[in-house]
Every structure is written in C-alpha cells, then in structure tokens.
C-alpha cells in the first residue's frame, strides 16, 4: 500500500456529514492551514452547520466544484456508490475521474506504521471488535474504530492496534487496505436493498481479505467464506474440533485439536468468543488473560441486553437484530416462554422462515413490515400494532398473571421506518418498559 503525508493533500471533498464525514472535516480543518474542503450532504442545513463550525470549507453546488484540483472524495458508508443508484455526487466524481475513498482507507494511508485488525460479518461485529480491543489492552495500546460508531479519525493517535469494524458499504469502496489481521465472522442474507444479489453482498465482504499481507481468520463452518491473494489462513469453528485451527465446543477451547482451557461462563455467542481468542492468542496474549477478559465481558447495549426483571418477567432489548438470522439466534438462545416483539423496515429479501418460534406464546408486530410478519407467522397468537407504546400496554395485560417469561424485542428489521437508528429504537423500547413498570409500582 502506498502511503502519503498530510502535507501533500490540498483539496478534498466529503459526501455525507454524519459521524464519519464530520470527523474527516474536523481532522483536516484543524491540521491543514492550506486546504480546501468541499461539503456535500442531502441536508443543506447540515452543510451550513458544518461550514459554520470548521474553517477551509466550501458549500457550493458540486457541479461547480474544481474537480480537477480535488485529491479524493471521502464517501460516508450510508450513501450508495453502486446499487440501486449511485448518489449524484458519486456519479459526478466518477465522470470527473476523482478518486473515491473511505475514511478508514485514508487513515491507513496516513498512518501506515500502526497495525490494523479488520472485522466484518453480518452479525456480531461490534461485539467482536469491543471484546478483542479489551483483550489487547491487557498488553498493548488498542482502540476500536469504524462502523461501531467511533470514526477512525476520532480515535486516539499512536495506538499499537486499531480494531476496525467494517460494514459491507465501507468495504465496497476500499481499494488499498493494509490489514495485519482480518476476519469475516459470518455471512447471511442482509442489506438486499443495497445489493443486486447475495453474491454481490458477499463479494463486498470478501474485500477485507484483499491485501496480500493479511492474516485471514476464516470461519470453517461457512464454506462461502474464502480468503484470496494467498494470505496466511487461520481457521476457527464452533461445530468441529479442527486438526489445524481454533475450536470451541460448549465451554471447551481447542487449538489444533488439543484441549487448552475451559471457560466457566459464556457471555456471548461461540463464534465471537473463538474468533477473539484466536486473534489475541496469535498476537501473544496469554491464554488465561484472554479467558479472564472473556468471562468478565459485559454484553453491549441493544444486543440481547437484559435490562429489567420484574416478578419473574425478563425484558430483553435486542434492537440491534436487524435481520432474520440475528433474531433467529436470539430466539434459539432462550429456553422458556417468549413474548416476541418484531417488525420495522425490511432490507430487501430476508428469509423469515428461518426464525424458530416454537417457544413464542405471543407475538406483536409493528412497523412497515408488520403485515409481512403477520402473514409469515399467521399460525402464532399475534397482533399487529402501530407503536411500541401500544405493544407495551398489551404486553402488560398479557403477562399480568404469568411468571418465567421473556419479553424479547428482536425486530429482524431495520429501524428506519420509525427511528433514525437501532440505538434510538432500543432506547424507546426500554423507556416504554420502564414507564410502564413505574406506573404499576
């Protein structure tokens, strides 16, 4: 990968002024006294707000930009660059021959001396990135970054390791990654509103292995995940005890088929644990230190988060479950009666039939997809409602004389029909539950 210095950059454009875009503007505005930063966003008010806060910024129409002087366009990950239709500014950049980069790729070019660990997958990315960073910090300086919510340009400088969460959207515009280690945790149908086929979605994920120097950690349980460019490959599995690689069976950990250690507690899914252990072990963290961090790891908010328990009723916020596979895993993990709350905006095709509902005694469906869920699960005792407030009111009446039951909010859909993101959706669910329980005290 060819690196370059910040002094050589004279003009950039930033499309999308959310967390990622503003972090790039902030970085270059503060460090470069002689730079031009062109701003683009679908919200003109957002452009004016950023221009007011940062120097060297220009808000004119992208058609009038001096494209021949722009070194590159930084594209925020939520903005389509290919399917279903490229954003108009992306089309302009392509017509003008302007290079398009992600913020992560740019950061790696500016700071090639650090080691970068890339994590992607359909489910579990944030959990793996967070846990692995905690393990590495027992011996090194490590920071999370990327799609987890901390833009890499906002991460602390001079880290030994950056553990970077990549979405498929970020990967599809990366062409010069330089990753020390990389892994695809798993791949299932998701984001079919942004890809023409599952193979296109998979292709974007596989780009994480494109650098020839990367040590690739490959999920042996998913045959479609392969490494390219003759990388060093390390395998991990949750189904088989591998002769060469890392395995977890129950609480038992095996390396090259040899039992190494047993966990006393398993706070997160098997594949998340074994991947983190694999990478940390190969970096040189002692196995007992790894195990200690795993066993003390706190589940992230909005991911199978048990946040209230009242009179034998357990409330679980799994708002991060934005696809059918994530919800299937959530339902499989619970033994006992479940009241399931789901629905939202479908992300193109998703196979709802994979969701196991044999323990669901009642379901409530909301959002744009509520009728789709109602049809798919017509055999369940269920209702379609308009809001979470209505749901919680109905839940309260349904559990009035019940104990030992889970209230599981696992939508299997995106949040964008009613909320700006899954975090706000999860917060709303917890607020509704807390207000209902407070009223009943």
Protein backbone atom coordinates (compact mmCIF):
# COMPACT_ATOMS: atom_id res chain seq x y z
CA UNK A 1 0.00 0.00 0.00
CA UNK A 2 1.35 3.41 -0.97
CA UNK A 3 1.31 5.89 1.90
CA UNK A 4 1.39 9.67 1.67
CA UNK A 5 1.73 12.61 4.02
CA UNK A 6 -0.94 15.06 5.01
CA UNK A 7 1.16 17.90 3.56
CA UNK A 8 0.54 16.63 0.03
CA UNK A 9 -3.25 16.93 0.35
CA UNK A 10 -4.52 20.28 -0.90
CA UNK A 11 -8.20 19.71 -1.67
CA UNK A 12 -10.75 17.09 -0.61
CA UNK A 13 -14.50 16.59 -0.87
CA UNK A 14 -16.69 14.98 1.79
CA UNK A 15 -20.06 13.47 0.90
CA UNK A 16 -22.28 12.77 3.90
CA UNK A 17 -21.91 14.87 7.04
CA UNK A 18 -22.78 12.37 9.73
CA UNK A 19 -20.30 10.99 12.28
CA UNK A 20 -17.84 9.81 9.62
CA UNK A 21 -17.93 12.85 7.37
CA UNK A 22 -17.67 15.41 10.17
CA UNK A 23 -14.71 13.52 11.69
CA UNK A 24 -12.83 13.89 8.39
CA UNK A 25 -13.71 17.58 8.09
CA UNK A 26 -12.62 18.19 11.70
CA UNK A 27 -9.31 16.39 11.22
CA UNK A 28 -8.23 18.22 8.06
CA UNK A 29 -9.62 21.58 9.13
CA UNK A 30 -7.51 21.54 12.29
CA UNK A 31 -4.30 20.17 10.78
CA UNK A 32 -4.12 21.81 7.37
CA UNK A 33 -3.84 25.57 7.03
CA UNK A 34 -3.78 25.42 3.24
CA UNK A 35 -6.60 23.08 2.23
CA UNK A 36 -9.99 23.33 0.58
CA UNK A 37 -12.75 21.06 1.90
CA UNK A 38 -15.85 20.76 -0.29
CA UNK A 39 -19.01 19.72 1.60
CA UNK A 40 -21.96 17.73 0.29
CA UNK A 41 -24.98 16.35 2.08
CA UNK A 42 -28.65 15.84 1.23
CA UNK A 43 -29.44 18.28 4.06
CA UNK A 44 -28.46 21.84 3.18
CA UNK A 45 -28.90 22.85 6.83
CA UNK A 46 -26.30 20.26 7.81
CA UNK A 47 -23.85 21.69 5.28
CA UNK A 48 -24.30 25.21 6.67
CA UNK A 49 -23.90 23.94 10.24
CA UNK A 50 -20.60 22.19 9.45
CA UNK A 51 -19.34 25.15 7.42
CA UNK A 52 -20.02 27.44 10.37
CA UNK A 53 -18.03 25.19 12.74
CA UNK A 54 -14.96 24.45 10.60
CA UNK A 55 -12.52 26.50 8.53
CA UNK A 56 -11.49 25.90 4.91
CA UNK A 57 -14.94 24.54 3.96
CA UNK A 58 -16.94 25.33 0.83
CA UNK A 59 -20.66 24.67 0.39
CA UNK A 60 -21.24 25.47 -3.28
CA UNK A 61 -23.09 23.19 -5.70
CA UNK A 62 -20.95 20.09 -6.50
CA UNK A 63 -21.42 20.78 -10.21
CA UNK A 64 -19.32 23.93 -9.69
CA UNK A 65 -16.53 22.30 -7.68
CA UNK A 66 -12.97 22.48 -9.05
CA UNK A 67 -12.92 18.72 -9.56
CA UNK A 68 -9.54 18.76 -11.29
CA UNK A 69 -7.96 20.02 -8.05
CA UNK A 70 -9.71 17.59 -5.66
CA UNK A 71 -7.39 14.84 -4.42
CA UNK A 72 -10.25 12.49 -3.48
CA UNK A 73 -13.87 12.26 -2.40
CA UNK A 74 -14.49 10.75 1.05
CA UNK A 75 -17.77 8.86 0.97
CA UNK A 76 -19.78 8.17 4.12
CA UNK A 77 -20.81 4.49 4.35
CA UNK A 78 -24.58 5.07 4.32
CA UNK A 79 -24.50 6.61 0.83
CA UNK A 80 -24.89 4.30 -2.19
CA UNK A 81 -22.00 4.28 -4.63
CA UNK A 82 -23.28 1.48 -6.89
CA UNK A 83 -26.64 -0.22 -6.31
CA UNK A 84 -29.50 0.61 -6.55
CA UNK A 85 -28.40 4.03 -7.86
CA UNK A 86 -25.16 5.93 -7.20
CA UNK A 87 -25.59 9.24 -5.42
CA UNK A 88 -25.46 12.19 -7.85
CA UNK A 89 -22.17 13.41 -6.32
CA UNK A 90 -20.67 9.94 -6.72
CA UNK A 91 -21.66 9.99 -10.38
CA UNK A 92 -20.03 13.39 -10.75
CA UNK A 93 -16.82 12.14 -9.15
CA UNK A 94 -16.70 9.15 -11.48
CA UNK A 95 -17.33 11.34 -14.52
CA UNK A 96 -14.53 13.72 -13.46
CA UNK A 97 -12.08 10.89 -12.69
CA UNK A 98 -11.92 11.76 -9.00
CA UNK A 99 -10.74 9.02 -6.65
CA UNK A 100 -13.33 7.82 -4.08
CA UNK A 101 -12.09 6.61 -0.71
CA UNK A 102 -13.45 5.54 2.65
CA UNK A 103 -12.25 7.33 5.77
CA UNK A 104 -10.64 4.10 7.04
CA UNK A 105 -8.62 3.57 3.88
CA UNK A 106 -7.43 7.20 4.01
CA UNK A 107 -6.40 6.88 7.67
CA UNK A 108 -4.35 3.78 6.89
CA UNK A 109 -2.58 5.66 4.11
CA UNK A 110 -1.72 8.48 6.51
CA UNK A 111 -0.65 6.21 9.41
CA UNK A 112 0.83 3.04 7.86
CA UNK A 113 3.04 2.33 10.90
CA UNK A 114 0.10 1.17 13.06
CA UNK A 115 -1.34 -2.35 12.91
CA UNK A 116 -4.93 -2.65 11.80
CA UNK A 117 -7.25 -5.57 12.51
CA UNK A 118 -10.36 -5.66 10.31
CA UNK A 119 -13.60 -7.31 11.37
CA UNK A 120 -16.73 -7.71 9.26
CA UNK A 121 -19.71 -10.04 9.05
CA UNK A 122 -23.48 -9.92 9.09
CA UNK A 123 -23.86 -10.26 12.85
CA UNK A 124 -21.56 -9.86 15.85
CA UNK A 125 -19.13 -7.26 14.50
CA UNK A 126 -19.42 -4.73 17.31
CA UNK A 127 -19.21 -7.41 20.00
CA UNK A 128 -16.05 -8.91 18.49
CA UNK A 129 -14.39 -5.53 17.97
CA UNK A 130 -15.14 -4.46 21.55
CA UNK A 131 -14.07 -7.72 23.19
CA UNK A 132 -10.89 -8.06 21.13
CA UNK A 133 -9.91 -4.47 21.97
CA UNK A 134 -10.43 -5.15 25.68
CA UNK A 135 -8.21 -8.24 25.45
CA UNK A 136 -5.45 -6.42 23.54
CA UNK A 137 -5.46 -3.60 26.08
CA UNK A 138 -4.19 -6.02 28.73
CA UNK A 139 -0.80 -5.83 26.99
CA UNK A 140 -0.88 -3.13 24.28
CA UNK A 141 -2.48 0.20 23.40
CA UNK A 142 -5.54 -0.61 21.29
CA UNK A 143 -8.57 1.34 20.09
CA UNK A 144 -11.84 0.40 18.45
CA UNK A 145 -12.84 2.32 15.32
CA UNK A 146 -15.05 2.22 12.27
CA UNK A 147 -18.65 1.18 11.86
CA UNK A 148 -19.07 0.65 15.61
CA UNK A 149 -19.74 4.37 15.99
CA UNK A 150 -16.26 5.80 16.61
CA UNK A 151 -14.98 7.14 13.31
CA UNK A 152 -11.32 6.27 12.87
CA UNK A 153 -10.37 9.95 12.55
CA UNK A 154 -11.80 10.45 16.05
CA UNK A 155 -9.82 7.55 17.53
CA UNK A 156 -6.76 8.29 19.67
CA UNK A 157 -3.44 8.55 17.81
CA UNK A 158 -0.35 6.38 18.35
CA UNK A 159 -2.11 3.10 19.10
CA UNK A 160 -0.35 -0.25 18.70
CA UNK A 161 -3.54 -1.70 17.24
CA UNK A 162 -6.71 -0.34 15.70
CA UNK A 163 -9.51 -2.90 15.77
CA UNK A 164 -11.77 -1.73 12.97
CA UNK A 165 -15.35 -2.72 12.33
CA UNK A 166 -16.14 -2.68 8.60
CA UNK A 167 -19.61 -2.63 7.11
CA UNK A 168 -20.06 -4.02 3.60
CA UNK A 169 -20.71 -0.43 2.47
CA UNK A 170 -17.30 0.67 3.73
CA UNK A 171 -15.53 -2.30 2.17
CA UNK A 172 -17.03 -1.86 -1.28
CA UNK A 173 -15.20 1.47 -1.74
CA UNK A 174 -11.88 0.33 -0.24
CA UNK A 175 -9.10 -0.47 -2.71
CA UNK A 176 -5.91 -0.02 -0.67
CA UNK A 177 -6.45 -1.73 2.66
CA UNK A 178 -3.43 -2.82 4.67
CA UNK A 179 -4.67 -5.08 7.43
CA UNK A 180 -2.47 -7.05 9.80
CA UNK A 181 -5.34 -9.45 10.54
CA UNK A 182 -8.86 -9.73 9.15
CA UNK A 183 -11.95 -11.86 9.53
CA UNK A 184 -15.49 -12.32 8.31
CA UNK A 185 -17.36 -13.64 11.35
CA UNK A 186 -20.33 -14.91 9.34
CA UNK A 187 -22.36 -14.06 6.25
CA UNK A 188 -26.15 -14.28 5.96
CA UNK A 189 -28.77 -12.51 3.87
CA UNK A 190 -28.78 -8.81 4.73
CA UNK A 191 -28.91 -5.40 3.03
CA UNK A 192 -30.63 -6.80 -0.05
CA UNK A 193 -31.97 -3.26 -0.56
CA UNK A 194 -28.38 -2.17 -1.27
CA UNK A 195 -27.15 -5.17 -3.31
CA UNK A 196 -28.44 -6.73 -6.50
CA UNK A 197 -27.81 -10.25 -5.16
CA UNK A 198 -26.41 -12.15 -2.19
CA UNK A 199 -23.24 -12.78 -4.20
CA UNK A 200 -22.68 -9.04 -4.58
CA UNK A 201 -23.10 -8.61 -0.82
CA UNK A 202 -20.66 -11.48 -0.20
CA UNK A 203 -18.19 -10.01 -2.69
CA UNK A 204 -18.08 -6.75 -0.74
CA UNK A 205 -17.39 -8.65 2.50
CA UNK A 206 -14.58 -10.69 0.90
CA UNK A 207 -12.71 -7.47 0.04
CA UNK A 208 -11.47 -7.48 3.64
CA UNK A 209 -9.01 -10.22 2.56
CA UNK A 210 -7.72 -8.31 -0.49
CA UNK A 211 -4.38 -7.29 0.99
CA UNK A 212 -1.73 -9.96 0.36
CA UNK A 213 -0.02 -9.45 3.72
CA UNK A 214 -3.14 -10.04 5.82
CA UNK A 215 -3.51 -13.00 8.18
CA UNK A 216 -7.03 -14.18 7.34
CA UNK A 217 -9.19 -15.78 10.04
CA UNK A 218 -11.77 -17.86 8.21
CA UNK A 219 -14.97 -19.35 9.64
CA UNK A 220 -14.61 -23.03 8.78
CA UNK A 221 -18.35 -23.52 9.31
CA UNK A 222 -19.28 -21.33 6.32
CA UNK A 223 -17.95 -22.70 3.04
CA UNK A 224 -18.70 -19.47 1.11
CA UNK A 225 -16.12 -17.55 3.15
CA UNK A 226 -12.76 -17.93 1.46
CA UNK A 227 -9.52 -15.99 1.56
CA UNK A 228 -7.82 -14.67 -1.56
CA UNK A 229 -4.36 -13.40 -2.51
CA UNK A 230 -2.52 -16.36 -0.91
CA UNK A 231 -2.97 -14.98 2.59
CA UNK A 232 -1.84 -16.85 5.65
CA UNK A 233 -5.09 -18.51 6.76
CA UNK A 234 -6.16 -19.49 10.26
CA UNK A 235 -9.43 -21.36 10.69
CA UNK A 236 -11.93 -21.29 13.53
CA UNK A 237 -15.02 -23.41 14.15
CA UNK A 238 -17.94 -23.79 16.54
CA UNK A 239 -19.10 -27.11 15.03
CA UNK A 240 -15.98 -29.22 14.67
CA UNK A 241 -12.73 -29.79 16.55
CA UNK A 242 -10.22 -28.72 13.91
CA UNK A 243 -6.92 -30.54 13.43
CA UNK A 244 -5.40 -27.21 12.49
CA UNK A 245 -7.09 -24.15 13.93
CA UNK A 246 -9.21 -22.94 16.82
CA UNK A 247 -12.39 -24.61 18.05
CA UNK A 248 -14.98 -24.14 20.77
CA UNK A 249 -17.31 -26.93 21.88
CA UNK A 250 -19.56 -25.91 24.71
CA UNK A 251 -17.21 -24.24 27.20
CA UNK A 252 -14.12 -26.09 25.98
CA UNK A 253 -11.45 -24.39 23.84
CA UNK A 254 -9.21 -26.39 21.49
CA UNK A 255 -6.17 -25.30 19.50
CA UNK A 256 -5.05 -27.72 16.77
CA UNK A 257 -7.44 -30.32 18.28
CA UNK A 258 -5.73 -30.08 21.70
CA UNK A 259 -7.84 -29.00 24.67
CA UNK A 260 -6.32 -25.79 26.05
CA UNK A 261 -8.76 -24.36 28.54
CA UNK A 262 -12.39 -24.40 29.63
CA UNK A 263 -14.49 -21.31 30.22
CA UNK A 264 -16.58 -21.10 33.37
CA UNK A 265 -19.02 -18.72 31.72
CA UNK A 266 -20.00 -17.85 28.17
CA UNK A 267 -21.37 -14.29 27.89
CA UNK A 268 -21.63 -14.07 24.08
CA UNK A 269 -22.06 -16.41 21.06
CA UNK A 270 -19.46 -19.14 20.41
CA UNK A 271 -18.14 -17.75 17.12
CA UNK A 272 -17.48 -14.35 18.68
CA UNK A 273 -15.52 -15.92 21.53
CA UNK A 274 -13.39 -18.23 19.41
CA UNK A 275 -12.50 -15.54 16.86
CA UNK A 276 -11.37 -13.09 19.55
CA UNK A 277 -9.40 -15.80 21.30
CA UNK A 278 -7.76 -16.88 18.02
CA UNK A 279 -6.51 -13.43 17.11
CA UNK A 280 -5.41 -12.50 20.64
CA UNK A 281 -3.60 -15.82 21.09
CA UNK A 282 -1.68 -15.39 17.83
CA UNK A 283 -0.72 -11.83 18.82
CA UNK A 284 0.80 -13.22 22.00
CA UNK A 285 -1.72 -12.58 24.79
CA UNK A 286 -1.55 -15.28 27.47
CA UNK A 287 -4.50 -17.65 27.34
CA UNK A 288 -5.52 -17.04 30.96
CA UNK A 289 -5.60 -13.28 30.40
CA UNK A 290 -7.81 -13.85 27.36
CA UNK A 291 -10.18 -16.09 29.32
CA UNK A 292 -10.44 -13.61 32.19
CA UNK A 293 -11.48 -10.79 29.87
CA UNK A 294 -13.99 -13.02 28.06
CA UNK A 295 -15.63 -14.18 31.29
CA UNK A 296 -15.91 -10.61 32.58
CA UNK A 297 -17.16 -9.13 29.32
CA UNK A 298 -20.38 -7.14 29.53
CA UNK A 299 -22.82 -7.55 26.67
CA UNK A 300 -23.20 -4.39 24.59
CA UNK A 301 -26.34 -2.31 24.82
CA UNK A 302 -29.13 -3.28 22.40
CA UNK A 303 -27.65 -6.77 21.87
CA UNK A 304 -29.60 -9.34 23.91
CA UNK A 305 -29.48 -6.81 26.71
CA UNK A 306 -31.36 -7.96 29.80
CA UNK A 307 -32.26 -4.58 31.28
CA UNK A 308 -35.20 -5.30 33.61
CA UNK A 309 -36.58 -8.24 35.56
CA UNK A 310 -39.85 -7.81 37.38
CA UNK A 311 -41.87 -10.54 39.11
CA UNK A 312 -40.41 -13.31 37.00
CA UNK A 313 -40.76 -11.40 33.73
CA UNK A 314 -37.44 -10.73 31.95
CA UNK A 315 -37.21 -7.84 29.47
CA UNK A 316 -34.59 -8.13 26.71
CA UNK A 317 -33.62 -5.34 24.31
CA UNK A 318 -32.18 -6.82 21.10
CA UNK A 319 -32.80 -3.81 18.88
CA UNK A 320 -29.52 -4.46 17.02
CA UNK A 321 -31.14 -7.57 15.48
CA UNK A 322 -31.83 -6.00 12.09
CA UNK A 323 -32.11 -9.22 10.08
CA UNK A 324 -33.74 -12.63 10.35
CA UNK A 325 -30.55 -14.50 11.24
CA UNK A 326 -29.84 -12.26 14.23
CA UNK A 327 -33.37 -12.74 15.55
CA UNK A 328 -33.15 -16.48 14.94
CA UNK A 329 -30.03 -16.62 17.12
CA UNK A 330 -31.79 -14.58 19.82
CA UNK A 331 -34.81 -16.88 19.96
CA UNK A 332 -32.65 -20.02 19.93
CA UNK A 333 -30.67 -18.75 22.91
CA UNK A 334 -33.73 -18.59 25.20
CA UNK A 335 -35.35 -21.62 26.84
CA UNK A 336 -38.80 -20.84 28.14
CA UNK A 337 -41.92 -18.94 27.13
CA UNK A 338 -41.27 -15.90 24.93
CA UNK A 339 -43.34 -12.87 24.04
CA UNK A 340 -41.74 -11.64 20.83
CA UNK A 341 -41.87 -8.05 19.55
CA UNK A 342 -40.68 -7.58 15.95
CA UNK A 343 -41.06 -5.60 12.76
CA UNK A 344 -39.71 -2.48 11.10
CA UNK A 345 -38.42 -1.89 7.59
CA UNK A 346 -37.34 -4.93 5.59
CA UNK A 347 -33.91 -4.68 3.93
CA UNK A 348 -34.94 -6.24 0.66
CA UNK A 349 -35.25 -10.02 0.68
CA UNK A 350 -34.88 -11.80 4.03
CA UNK A 351 -35.97 -15.34 4.78
CA UNK A 352 -38.22 -15.00 7.82
CA UNK A 353 -38.90 -18.75 7.75
CA UNK A 354 -35.52 -19.41 9.42
CA UNK A 355 -36.78 -17.79 12.64
CA UNK A 356 -37.65 -20.51 15.19
CA UNK A 357 -40.83 -19.60 17.05
CA UNK A 358 -41.71 -22.82 18.89
CA UNK A 359 -41.26 -21.08 22.28
CA UNK A 360 -43.20 -17.95 21.29
CA UNK A 361 -46.52 -17.81 23.15
CA UNK A 362 -47.47 -14.37 21.85
CA UNK A 363 -46.10 -12.01 19.20
CA UNK A 364 -46.58 -8.32 18.49
CA UNK A 365 -45.63 -6.92 15.07
CA UNK A 366 -45.08 -3.22 14.30
CA UNK A 367 -43.70 -1.02 11.55
CA UNK A 368 -43.80 -1.14 7.77
CA UNK A 369 -43.31 -4.92 7.70
CA UNK A 370 -45.96 -5.83 10.28
CA UNK A 371 -48.33 -7.34 7.69
CA UNK A 372 -45.48 -9.38 6.17
CA UNK A 373 -44.70 -10.78 9.61
CA UNK A 374 -48.40 -11.36 10.27
CA UNK A 375 -48.70 -13.42 7.10
CA UNK A 376 -45.46 -15.35 7.68
CA UNK A 377 -46.38 -16.19 11.29
CA UNK A 378 -50.16 -16.45 10.90
CA UNK A 379 -50.12 -19.63 12.99
CA UNK A 380 -48.87 -17.72 16.05
CA UNK A 381 -51.04 -15.97 18.59
CA UNK A 382 -50.18 -12.45 17.43
CA UNK A 383 -51.35 -8.87 16.93
CA UNK A 384 -50.26 -6.07 14.60
CA UNK A 385 -49.95 -2.67 16.27
CA UNK A 386 -48.85 0.87 15.42
CA UNK A 387 -46.37 1.77 18.16
CA UNK A 388 -44.18 0.43 20.92
CA UNK A 389 -46.40 2.19 23.46
CA UNK A 390 -49.34 0.08 22.26
CA UNK A 391 -47.19 -3.04 22.37
CA UNK A 392 -46.05 -2.50 25.95
CA UNK A 393 -49.62 -1.78 27.06
CA UNK A 394 -50.72 -5.11 25.53
CA UNK A 395 -47.69 -6.91 26.98
CA UNK A 396 -48.54 -5.64 30.45
CA UNK A 397 -52.05 -7.11 30.24
CA UNK A 398 -50.81 -10.39 28.76
CA UNK A 399 -48.19 -11.08 31.47
CA UNK A 400 -50.32 -9.88 34.36
CA UNK A 401 -50.69 -13.38 35.85
CA UNK A 402 -47.62 -15.01 34.27
CA UNK A 403 -44.13 -15.72 35.54
CA UNK A 404 -40.96 -17.12 33.99
CA UNK A 405 -41.48 -15.44 30.65
CA UNK A 406 -39.18 -13.43 28.38
CA UNK A 407 -40.24 -10.21 26.65
CA UNK A 408 -37.92 -10.19 23.65
CA UNK A 409 -37.65 -7.11 21.45
CA UNK A 410 -35.78 -8.54 18.46
CA UNK A 411 -37.13 -6.77 15.35
CA UNK A 412 -35.46 -8.72 12.48
CA UNK A 413 -35.74 -5.45 10.51
CA UNK A 414 -34.03 -2.11 10.19
CA UNK A 415 -35.29 0.79 12.29
CA UNK A 416 -35.59 3.40 9.56
CA UNK A 417 -39.37 3.33 9.21
CA UNK A 418 -39.89 4.88 12.66
CA UNK A 419 -36.44 5.73 14.10
CA UNK A 420 -33.16 7.16 12.84
CA UNK A 421 -31.18 4.11 14.02
CA UNK A 422 -31.37 0.93 16.10
CA UNK A 423 -29.97 2.75 19.15
CA UNK A 424 -32.90 5.17 19.35
CA UNK A 425 -35.28 2.26 18.74
CA UNK A 426 -33.77 0.29 21.63
CA UNK A 427 -33.83 3.32 23.88
CA UNK A 428 -37.52 3.83 23.10
CA UNK A 429 -38.29 0.23 23.95
CA UNK A 430 -36.52 0.49 27.29
CA UNK A 431 -38.22 3.81 28.03
CA UNK A 432 -41.68 2.35 27.32
CA UNK A 433 -40.99 -0.65 29.55
CA UNK A 434 -39.59 1.50 32.39
CA UNK A 435 -42.54 3.90 32.25
CA UNK A 436 -45.00 1.00 32.29
CA UNK A 437 -43.29 -0.64 35.27
CA UNK A 438 -43.07 2.69 37.14
CA UNK A 439 -46.80 3.30 36.63
CA UNK A 440 -47.53 -0.09 38.14
CA UNK A 441 -45.45 0.42 41.29
